[in-house]
PDB file of all heavy atoms in Angstrom:
ATOM      1  N   SER A   1       7.217 -27.625  14.576  1.00  0.00           N
ATOM      2  CA  SER A   1       8.217 -27.360  15.619  1.00  0.00           C
ATOM      3  C   SER A   1       9.431 -26.600  15.093  1.00  0.00           C
ATOM      4  O   SER A   1      10.214 -26.075  15.884  1.00  0.00           O
ATOM      5  CB  SER A   1       8.681 -28.679  16.242  1.00  0.00           C
ATOM      6  OG  SER A   1       9.319 -29.499  15.277  1.00  0.00           O
ATOM      7  N   LYS A   2       9.575 -26.520  13.775  1.00  0.00           N
ATOM      8  CA  LYS A   2      10.741 -25.846  13.186  1.00  0.00           C
ATOM      9  C   LYS A   2      10.486 -24.372  12.891  1.00  0.00           C
ATOM     10  O   LYS A   2      11.417 -23.643  12.539  1.00  0.00           O
ATOM     11  CB  LYS A   2      11.143 -26.553  11.888  1.00  0.00           C
ATOM     12  CG  LYS A   2      11.476 -28.031  12.059  1.00  0.00           C
ATOM     13  CD  LYS A   2      11.758 -28.681  10.717  1.00  0.00           C
ATOM     14  CE  LYS A   2      11.978 -30.187  10.853  1.00  0.00           C
ATOM     15  NZ  LYS A   2      12.175 -30.841   9.536  1.00  0.00           N
ATOM     16  N   VAL A   3       9.227 -23.931  12.999  1.00  0.00           N
ATOM     17  CA  VAL A   3       8.892 -22.562  12.619  1.00  0.00           C
ATOM     18  C   VAL A   3       9.560 -21.563  13.566  1.00  0.00           C
ATOM     19  O   VAL A   3       9.413 -21.650  14.783  1.00  0.00           O
ATOM     20  CB  VAL A   3       7.362 -22.347  12.635  1.00  0.00           C
ATOM     21  CG1 VAL A   3       7.030 -20.887  12.326  1.00  0.00           C
ATOM     22  CG2 VAL A   3       6.676 -23.265  11.641  1.00  0.00           C
ATOM     23  N   ARG A   4      10.297 -20.615  12.978  1.00  0.00           N
ATOM     24  CA  ARG A   4      10.910 -19.547  13.759  1.00  0.00           C
ATOM     25  C   ARG A   4      10.560 -18.164  13.230  1.00  0.00           C
ATOM     26  O   ARG A   4      10.818 -17.149  13.880  1.00  0.00           O
ATOM     27  CB  ARG A   4      12.438 -19.715  13.782  1.00  0.00           C
ATOM     28  CG  ARG A   4      12.896 -20.891  14.634  1.00  0.00           C
ATOM     29  CD  ARG A   4      12.498 -20.714  16.087  1.00  0.00           C
ATOM     30  NE  ARG A   4      12.851 -21.856  16.936  1.00  0.00           N
ATOM     31  CZ  ARG A   4      12.078 -22.892  17.178  1.00  0.00           C
ATOM     32  NH1 ARG A   4      10.860 -22.955  16.616  1.00  0.00           N
ATOM     33  NH2 ARG A   4      12.460 -23.875  17.955  1.00  0.00           N
ATOM     34  N   HIS A   5       9.983 -18.111  12.023  1.00  0.00           N
ATOM     35  CA  HIS A   5       9.500 -16.845  11.460  1.00  0.00           C
ATOM     36  C   HIS A   5       8.247 -17.130  10.640  1.00  0.00           C
ATOM     37  O   HIS A   5       8.217 -18.098   9.876  1.00  0.00           O
ATOM     38  CB  HIS A   5      10.534 -16.205  10.521  1.00  0.00           C
ATOM     39  CG  HIS A   5      11.874 -15.971  11.128  1.00  0.00           C
ATOM     40  ND1 HIS A   5      12.117 -14.947  12.019  1.00  0.00           N
ATOM     41  CD2 HIS A   5      13.054 -16.624  10.965  1.00  0.00           C
ATOM     42  CE1 HIS A   5      13.395 -14.975  12.382  1.00  0.00           C
ATOM     43  NE2 HIS A   5      13.979 -15.986  11.755  1.00  0.00           N
ATOM     44  N   ILE A   6       7.220 -16.308  10.822  1.00  0.00           N
ATOM     45  CA  ILE A   6       6.116 -16.304   9.866  1.00  0.00           C
ATOM     46  C   ILE A   6       5.914 -14.867   9.404  1.00  0.00           C
ATOM     47  O   ILE A   6       6.109 -13.915  10.175  1.00  0.00           O
ATOM     48  CB  ILE A   6       4.804 -16.878  10.446  1.00  0.00           C
ATOM     49  CG1 ILE A   6       4.317 -16.073  11.648  1.00  0.00           C
ATOM     50  CG2 ILE A   6       4.954 -18.340  10.798  1.00  0.00           C
ATOM     51  CD1 ILE A   6       2.908 -16.477  12.097  1.00  0.00           C
ATOM     52  N   THR A   7       5.548 -14.706   8.153  1.00  0.00           N
ATOM     53  CA  THR A   7       5.351 -13.364   7.615  1.00  0.00           C
ATOM     54  C   THR A   7       4.418 -13.443   6.418  1.00  0.00           C
ATOM     55  O   THR A   7       3.883 -14.502   6.095  1.00  0.00           O
ATOM     56  CB  THR A   7       6.701 -12.715   7.249  1.00  0.00           C
ATOM     57  OG1 THR A   7       6.495 -11.323   6.949  1.00  0.00           O
ATOM     58  CG2 THR A   7       7.354 -13.395   6.063  1.00  0.00           C
ATOM     59  N   THR A   8       4.195 -12.296   5.801  1.00  0.00           N
ATOM     60  CA  THR A   8       3.369 -12.204   4.604  1.00  0.00           C
ATOM     61  C   THR A   8       4.276 -12.097   3.384  1.00  0.00           C
ATOM     62  O   THR A   8       5.497 -11.929   3.507  1.00  0.00           O
ATOM     63  CB  THR A   8       2.459 -10.977   4.658  1.00  0.00           C
ATOM     64  OG1 THR A   8       3.287  -9.800   4.686  1.00  0.00           O
ATOM     65  CG2 THR A   8       1.574 -11.001   5.897  1.00  0.00           C
ATOM     66  N   LEU A   9       3.673 -12.142   2.203  1.00  0.00           N
ATOM     67  CA  LEU A   9       4.471 -12.016   0.981  1.00  0.00           C
ATOM     68  C   LEU A   9       5.177 -10.663   0.928  1.00  0.00           C
ATOM     69  O   LEU A   9       6.378 -10.591   0.637  1.00  0.00           O
ATOM     70  CB  LEU A   9       3.580 -12.202  -0.250  1.00  0.00           C
ATOM     71  CG  LEU A   9       4.284 -12.139  -1.603  1.00  0.00           C
ATOM     72  CD1 LEU A   9       5.405 -13.165  -1.708  1.00  0.00           C
ATOM     73  CD2 LEU A   9       3.272 -12.330  -2.734  1.00  0.00           C
ATOM     74  N   ALA A  10       4.448  -9.591   1.226  1.00  0.00           N
ATOM     75  CA  ALA A  10       5.080  -8.268   1.237  1.00  0.00           C
ATOM     76  C   ALA A  10       6.174  -8.195   2.295  1.00  0.00           C
ATOM     77  O   ALA A  10       7.253  -7.626   2.065  1.00  0.00           O
ATOM     78  CB  ALA A  10       4.034  -7.181   1.481  1.00  0.00           C
ATOM     79  N   GLY A  11       5.904  -8.774   3.469  1.00  0.00           N
ATOM     80  CA  GLY A  11       6.901  -8.760   4.534  1.00  0.00           C
ATOM     81  C   GLY A  11       8.162  -9.503   4.151  1.00  0.00           C
ATOM     82  O   GLY A  11       9.279  -9.079   4.490  1.00  0.00           O
ATOM     83  N   TYR A  12       8.006 -10.612   3.430  1.00  0.00           N
ATOM     84  CA  TYR A  12       9.172 -11.392   3.026  1.00  0.00           C
ATOM     85  C   TYR A  12      10.002 -10.651   1.985  1.00  0.00           C
ATOM     86  O   TYR A  12      11.232 -10.593   2.088  1.00  0.00           O
ATOM     87  CB  TYR A  12       8.736 -12.749   2.483  1.00  0.00           C
ATOM     88  CG  TYR A  12       9.889 -13.633   2.065  1.00  0.00           C
ATOM     89  CD1 TYR A  12      10.890 -13.962   2.966  1.00  0.00           C
ATOM     90  CD2 TYR A  12       9.979 -14.119   0.761  1.00  0.00           C
ATOM     91  CE1 TYR A  12      11.959 -14.782   2.591  1.00  0.00           C
ATOM     92  CE2 TYR A  12      11.038 -14.924   0.375  1.00  0.00           C
ATOM     93  CZ  TYR A  12      12.022 -15.253   1.291  1.00  0.00           C
ATOM     94  OH  TYR A  12      13.081 -16.051   0.909  1.00  0.00           O
ATOM     95  N   VAL A  13       9.349 -10.063   0.982  1.00  0.00           N
ATOM     96  CA  VAL A  13      10.095  -9.310  -0.030  1.00  0.00           C
ATOM     97  C   VAL A  13      10.791  -8.118   0.618  1.00  0.00           C
ATOM     98  O   VAL A  13      11.955  -7.815   0.304  1.00  0.00           O
ATOM     99  CB  VAL A  13       9.165  -8.867  -1.173  1.00  0.00           C
ATOM    100  CG1 VAL A  13       9.916  -7.970  -2.160  1.00  0.00           C
ATOM    101  CG2 VAL A  13       8.584 -10.082  -1.900  1.00  0.00           C
ATOM    102  N   HIS A  14      10.097  -7.438   1.527  1.00  0.00           N
ATOM    103  CA  HIS A  14      10.717  -6.319   2.248  1.00  0.00           C
ATOM    104  C   HIS A  14      11.962  -6.802   2.999  1.00  0.00           C
ATOM    105  O   HIS A  14      13.007  -6.127   2.975  1.00  0.00           O
ATOM    106  CB  HIS A  14       9.710  -5.724   3.227  1.00  0.00           C
ATOM    107  CG  HIS A  14      10.233  -4.566   4.024  1.00  0.00           C
ATOM    108  ND1 HIS A  14      10.066  -3.255   3.640  1.00  0.00           N
ATOM    109  CD2 HIS A  14      10.953  -4.520   5.189  1.00  0.00           C
ATOM    110  CE1 HIS A  14      10.646  -2.461   4.518  1.00  0.00           C
ATOM    111  NE2 HIS A  14      11.181  -3.211   5.477  1.00  0.00           N
ATOM    112  N   PHE A  15      11.868  -7.944   3.645  1.00  0.00           N
ATOM    113  CA  PHE A  15      13.017  -8.497   4.372  1.00  0.00           C
ATOM    114  C   PHE A  15      14.172  -8.813   3.425  1.00  0.00           C
ATOM    115  O   PHE A  15      15.339  -8.516   3.730  1.00  0.00           O
ATOM    116  CB  PHE A  15      12.596  -9.751   5.127  1.00  0.00           C
ATOM    117  CG  PHE A  15      13.731 -10.522   5.730  1.00  0.00           C
ATOM    118  CD1 PHE A  15      14.369 -10.055   6.869  1.00  0.00           C
ATOM    119  CD2 PHE A  15      14.178 -11.701   5.151  1.00  0.00           C
ATOM    120  CE1 PHE A  15      15.439 -10.754   7.420  1.00  0.00           C
ATOM    121  CE2 PHE A  15      15.239 -12.406   5.695  1.00  0.00           C
ATOM    122  CZ  PHE A  15      15.877 -11.937   6.835  1.00  0.00           C
ATOM    123  N   LEU A  16      13.879  -9.400   2.270  1.00  0.00           N
ATOM    124  CA  LEU A  16      14.935  -9.730   1.318  1.00  0.00           C
ATOM    125  C   LEU A  16      15.653  -8.480   0.820  1.00  0.00           C
ATOM    126  O   LEU A  16      16.871  -8.498   0.618  1.00  0.00           O
ATOM    127  CB  LEU A  16      14.360 -10.482   0.119  1.00  0.00           C
ATOM    128  CG  LEU A  16      13.859 -11.910   0.366  1.00  0.00           C
ATOM    129  CD1 LEU A  16      13.278 -12.485  -0.913  1.00  0.00           C
ATOM    130  CD2 LEU A  16      14.989 -12.804   0.885  1.00  0.00           C
ATOM    131  N   LEU A  17      14.896  -7.392   0.651  1.00  0.00           N
ATOM    132  CA  LEU A  17      15.494  -6.174   0.105  1.00  0.00           C
ATOM    133  C   LEU A  17      16.212  -5.345   1.157  1.00  0.00           C
ATOM    134  O   LEU A  17      17.195  -4.656   0.843  1.00  0.00           O
ATOM    135  CB  LEU A  17      14.414  -5.322  -0.563  1.00  0.00           C
ATOM    136  CG  LEU A  17      13.736  -5.935  -1.794  1.00  0.00           C
ATOM    137  CD1 LEU A  17      12.640  -5.019  -2.313  1.00  0.00           C
ATOM    138  CD2 LEU A  17      14.756  -6.229  -2.896  1.00  0.00           C
ATOM    139  N   THR A  18      15.760  -5.391   2.411  1.00  0.00           N
ATOM    140  CA  THR A  18      16.302  -4.498   3.440  1.00  0.00           C
ATOM    141  C   THR A  18      16.982  -5.208   4.600  1.00  0.00           C
ATOM    142  O   THR A  18      17.711  -4.570   5.367  1.00  0.00           O
ATOM    143  CB  THR A  18      15.175  -3.624   4.032  1.00  0.00           C
ATOM    144  OG1 THR A  18      14.270  -4.474   4.757  1.00  0.00           O
ATOM    145  CG2 THR A  18      14.423  -2.882   2.935  1.00  0.00           C
ATOM    146  N   GLY A  19      16.687  -6.490   4.775  1.00  0.00           N
ATOM    147  CA  GLY A  19      17.190  -7.199   5.943  1.00  0.00           C
ATOM    148  C   GLY A  19      16.413  -6.889   7.205  1.00  0.00           C
ATOM    149  O   GLY A  19      16.786  -7.357   8.295  1.00  0.00           O
ATOM    150  N   VAL A  20      15.315  -6.133   7.095  1.00  0.00           N
ATOM    151  CA  VAL A  20      14.503  -5.740   8.248  1.00  0.00           C
ATOM    152  C   VAL A  20      13.240  -6.593   8.280  1.00  0.00           C
ATOM    153  O   VAL A  20      12.458  -6.592   7.328  1.00  0.00           O
ATOM    154  CB  VAL A  20      14.131  -4.243   8.179  1.00  0.00           C
ATOM    155  CG1 VAL A  20      13.181  -3.872   9.319  1.00  0.00           C
ATOM    156  CG2 VAL A  20      15.382  -3.389   8.237  1.00  0.00           C
ATOM    157  N   ASN A  21      13.047  -7.311   9.381  1.00  0.00           N
ATOM    158  CA  ASN A  21      11.872  -8.163   9.544  1.00  0.00           C
ATOM    159  C   ASN A  21      10.792  -7.366  10.269  1.00  0.00           C
ATOM    160  O   ASN A  21      10.579  -7.511  11.480  1.00  0.00           O
ATOM    161  CB  ASN A  21      12.241  -9.424  10.327  1.00  0.00           C
ATOM    162  CG  ASN A  21      11.070 -10.378  10.485  1.00  0.00           C
ATOM    163  OD1 ASN A  21      10.128 -10.360   9.704  1.00  0.00           O
ATOM    164  ND2 ASN A  21      11.118 -11.215  11.517  1.00  0.00           N
ATOM    165  N   ALA A  22      10.115  -6.495   9.516  1.00  0.00           N
ATOM    166  CA  ALA A  22       9.080  -5.632  10.088  1.00  0.00           C
ATOM    167  C   ALA A  22       8.032  -5.367   9.021  1.00  0.00           C
ATOM    168  O   ALA A  22       8.321  -5.375   7.822  1.00  0.00           O
ATOM    169  CB  ALA A  22       9.685  -4.322  10.576  1.00  0.00           C
ATOM    170  N   ILE A  23       6.794  -5.117   9.470  1.00  0.00           N
ATOM    171  CA  ILE A  23       5.705  -4.813   8.550  1.00  0.00           C
ATOM    172  C   ILE A  23       4.855  -3.688   9.125  1.00  0.00           C
ATOM    173  O   ILE A  23       4.898  -3.416  10.323  1.00  0.00           O
ATOM    174  CB  ILE A  23       4.810  -6.046   8.277  1.00  0.00           C
ATOM    175  CG1 ILE A  23       4.201  -6.593   9.565  1.00  0.00           C
ATOM    176  CG2 ILE A  23       5.588  -7.137   7.568  1.00  0.00           C
ATOM    177  CD1 ILE A  23       3.264  -7.774   9.358  1.00  0.00           C
ATOM    178  N   GLY A  24       4.090  -3.026   8.264  1.00  0.00           N
ATOM    179  CA  GLY A  24       3.185  -1.982   8.697  1.00  0.00           C
ATOM    180  C   GLY A  24       2.045  -2.544   9.520  1.00  0.00           C
ATOM    181  O   GLY A  24       1.670  -3.711   9.384  1.00  0.00           O
ATOM    182  N   ILE A  25       1.430  -1.701  10.343  1.00  0.00           N
ATOM    183  CA  ILE A  25       0.410  -2.185  11.275  1.00  0.00           C
ATOM    184  C   ILE A  25      -0.840  -2.680  10.555  1.00  0.00           C
ATOM    185  O   ILE A  25      -1.510  -3.606  11.028  1.00  0.00           O
ATOM    186  CB  ILE A  25       0.051  -1.094  12.310  1.00  0.00           C
ATOM    187  CG1 ILE A  25      -0.807  -1.690  13.436  1.00  0.00           C
ATOM    188  CG2 ILE A  25      -0.614   0.109  11.657  1.00  0.00           C
ATOM    189  CD1 ILE A  25      -0.986  -0.770  14.626  1.00  0.00           C
ATOM    190  N   GLY A  26      -1.154  -2.101   9.413  1.00  0.00           N
ATOM    191  CA  GLY A  26      -2.292  -2.607   8.658  1.00  0.00           C
ATOM    192  C   GLY A  26      -2.061  -4.025   8.193  1.00  0.00           C
ATOM    193  O   GLY A  26      -2.940  -4.891   8.305  1.00  0.00           O
ATOM    194  N   GLU A  27      -0.872  -4.300   7.695  1.00  0.00           N
ATOM    195  CA  GLU A  27      -0.496  -5.646   7.276  1.00  0.00           C
ATOM    196  C   GLU A  27      -0.420  -6.581   8.487  1.00  0.00           C
ATOM    197  O   GLU A  27      -0.882  -7.720   8.434  1.00  0.00           O
ATOM    198  CB  GLU A  27       0.857  -5.594   6.554  1.00  0.00           C
ATOM    199  CG  GLU A  27       1.393  -6.934   6.105  1.00  0.00           C
ATOM    200  CD  GLU A  27       0.805  -7.429   4.790  1.00  0.00           C
ATOM    201  OE1 GLU A  27      -0.357  -7.100   4.494  1.00  0.00           O
ATOM    202  OE2 GLU A  27       1.495  -8.151   4.067  1.00  0.00           O
ATOM    203  N   ALA A  28       0.138  -6.080   9.579  1.00  0.00           N
ATOM    204  CA  ALA A  28       0.263  -6.896  10.794  1.00  0.00           C
ATOM    205  C   ALA A  28      -1.100  -7.312  11.329  1.00  0.00           C
ATOM    206  O   ALA A  28      -1.267  -8.427  11.838  1.00  0.00           O
ATOM    207  CB  ALA A  28       1.029  -6.119  11.864  1.00  0.00           C
ATOM    208  N   SER A  29      -2.092  -6.428  11.189  1.00  0.00           N
ATOM    209  CA  SER A  29      -3.413  -6.714  11.742  1.00  0.00           C
ATOM    210  C   SER A  29      -4.125  -7.841  10.998  1.00  0.00           C
ATOM    211  O   SER A  29      -5.155  -8.329  11.469  1.00  0.00           O
ATOM    212  CB  SER A  29      -4.286  -5.452  11.725  1.00  0.00           C
ATOM    213  OG  SER A  29      -4.586  -5.057  10.396  1.00  0.00           O
ATOM    214  N   GLY A  30      -3.596  -8.261   9.854  1.00  0.00           N
ATOM    215  CA  GLY A  30      -4.106  -9.429   9.151  1.00  0.00           C
ATOM    216  C   GLY A  30      -3.318 -10.685   9.453  1.00  0.00           C
ATOM    217  O   GLY A  30      -3.627 -11.752   8.900  1.00  0.00           O
ATOM    218  N   MET A  31      -2.328 -10.561  10.299  1.00  0.00           N
ATOM    219  CA  MET A  31      -1.571 -11.725  10.760  1.00  0.00           C
ATOM    220  C   MET A  31      -2.041 -12.154  12.149  1.00  0.00           C
ATOM    221  O   MET A  31      -2.307 -13.330  12.400  1.00  0.00           O
ATOM    222  CB  MET A  31      -0.079 -11.412  10.814  1.00  0.00           C
ATOM    223  CG  MET A  31       0.576 -11.173   9.462  1.00  0.00           C
ATOM    224  SD  MET A  31       2.386 -11.148   9.610  1.00  0.00           S
ATOM    225  CE  MET A  31       2.730 -12.902   9.890  1.00  0.00           C
ATOM    226  N   PHE A  32      -2.125 -11.169  13.059  1.00  0.00           N
ATOM    227  CA  PHE A  32      -2.489 -11.415  14.456  1.00  0.00           C
ATOM    228  C   PHE A  32      -3.161 -10.139  14.953  1.00  0.00           C
ATOM    229  O   PHE A  32      -2.782  -9.038  14.540  1.00  0.00           O
ATOM    230  CB  PHE A  32      -1.232 -11.729  15.276  1.00  0.00           C
ATOM    231  CG  PHE A  32      -1.502 -12.263  16.657  1.00  0.00           C
ATOM    232  CD1 PHE A  32      -1.516 -13.633  16.886  1.00  0.00           C
ATOM    233  CD2 PHE A  32      -1.752 -11.408  17.726  1.00  0.00           C
ATOM    234  CE1 PHE A  32      -1.771 -14.142  18.152  1.00  0.00           C
ATOM    235  CE2 PHE A  32      -2.013 -11.907  18.999  1.00  0.00           C
ATOM    236  CZ  PHE A  32      -2.014 -13.283  19.208  1.00  0.00           C
ATOM    237  N   PRO A  33      -4.154 -10.211  15.839  1.00  0.00           N
ATOM    238  CA  PRO A  33      -4.830  -8.993  16.305  1.00  0.00           C
ATOM    239  C   PRO A  33      -3.843  -7.991  16.897  1.00  0.00           C
ATOM    240  O   PRO A  33      -2.891  -8.360  17.587  1.00  0.00           O
ATOM    241  CB  PRO A  33      -5.790  -9.514  17.382  1.00  0.00           C
ATOM    242  CG  PRO A  33      -6.057 -10.935  16.995  1.00  0.00           C
ATOM    243  CD  PRO A  33      -4.769 -11.437  16.415  1.00  0.00           C
ATOM    244  N   VAL A  34      -4.091  -6.713  16.601  1.00  0.00           N
ATOM    245  CA  VAL A  34      -3.230  -5.645  17.107  1.00  0.00           C
ATOM    246  C   VAL A  34      -3.987  -4.800  18.117  1.00  0.00           C
ATOM    247  O   VAL A  34      -5.217  -4.770  18.150  1.00  0.00           O
ATOM    248  CB  VAL A  34      -2.696  -4.756  15.964  1.00  0.00           C
ATOM    249  CG1 VAL A  34      -1.820  -5.563  15.018  1.00  0.00           C
ATOM    250  CG2 VAL A  34      -3.832  -4.080  15.209  1.00  0.00           C
ATOM    251  N   ASP A  35      -3.222  -4.106  18.950  1.00  0.00           N
ATOM    252  CA  ASP A  35      -3.759  -3.185  19.950  1.00  0.00           C
ATOM    253  C   ASP A  35      -3.613  -1.775  19.386  1.00  0.00           C
ATOM    254  O   ASP A  35      -2.494  -1.307  19.158  1.00  0.00           O
ATOM    255  CB  ASP A  35      -2.973  -3.342  21.258  1.00  0.00           C
ATOM    256  CG  ASP A  35      -3.531  -2.503  22.393  1.00  0.00           C
ATOM    257  OD1 ASP A  35      -4.003  -1.385  22.130  1.00  0.00           O
ATOM    258  OD2 ASP A  35      -3.467  -2.966  23.552  1.00  0.00           O
ATOM    259  N   GLN A  36      -4.752  -1.089  19.167  1.00  0.00           N
ATOM    260  CA  GLN A  36      -4.689   0.240  18.558  1.00  0.00           C
ATOM    261  C   GLN A  36      -4.052   1.277  19.476  1.00  0.00           C
ATOM    262  O   GLN A  36      -3.639   2.332  19.016  1.00  0.00           O
ATOM    263  CB  GLN A  36      -6.092   0.710  18.146  1.00  0.00           C
ATOM    264  CG  GLN A  36      -6.502   0.296  16.740  1.00  0.00           C
ATOM    265  CD  GLN A  36      -7.027  -1.127  16.677  1.00  0.00           C
ATOM    266  OE1 GLN A  36      -7.634  -1.606  17.636  1.00  0.00           O
ATOM    267  NE2 GLN A  36      -6.810  -1.811  15.573  1.00  0.00           N
ATOM    268  N   ASP A  37      -3.962   0.989  20.778  1.00  0.00           N
ATOM    269  CA  ASP A  37      -3.338   1.943  21.701  1.00  0.00           C
ATOM    270  C   ASP A  37      -1.819   1.796  21.726  1.00  0.00           C
ATOM    271  O   ASP A  37      -1.095   2.788  21.746  1.00  0.00           O
ATOM    272  CB  ASP A  37      -3.898   1.743  23.115  1.00  0.00           C
ATOM    273  CG  ASP A  37      -5.376   2.104  23.209  1.00  0.00           C
ATOM    274  OD1 ASP A  37      -5.803   3.044  22.509  1.00  0.00           O
ATOM    275  OD2 ASP A  37      -6.105   1.432  23.960  1.00  0.00           O
ATOM    276  N   THR A  38      -1.337   0.547  21.731  1.00  0.00           N
ATOM    277  CA  THR A  38       0.109   0.327  21.802  1.00  0.00           C
ATOM    278  C   THR A  38       0.752   0.202  20.431  1.00  0.00           C
ATOM    279  O   THR A  38       1.974   0.209  20.321  1.00  0.00           O
ATOM    280  CB  THR A  38       0.415  -0.956  22.593  1.00  0.00           C
ATOM    281  OG1 THR A  38      -0.122  -2.084  21.878  1.00  0.00           O
ATOM    282  CG2 THR A  38      -0.207  -0.889  23.981  1.00  0.00           C
TER     283      THR A  38
END
């Protein structure tokens, strides 16, 4: 019930270095299914 962010190891290091909570679509597609059109 406390979870407010989930990410990958690369996503977390990227966030620590840039403050941006974002990942590439290839990495995202291993977290949750992605839509290739949107």
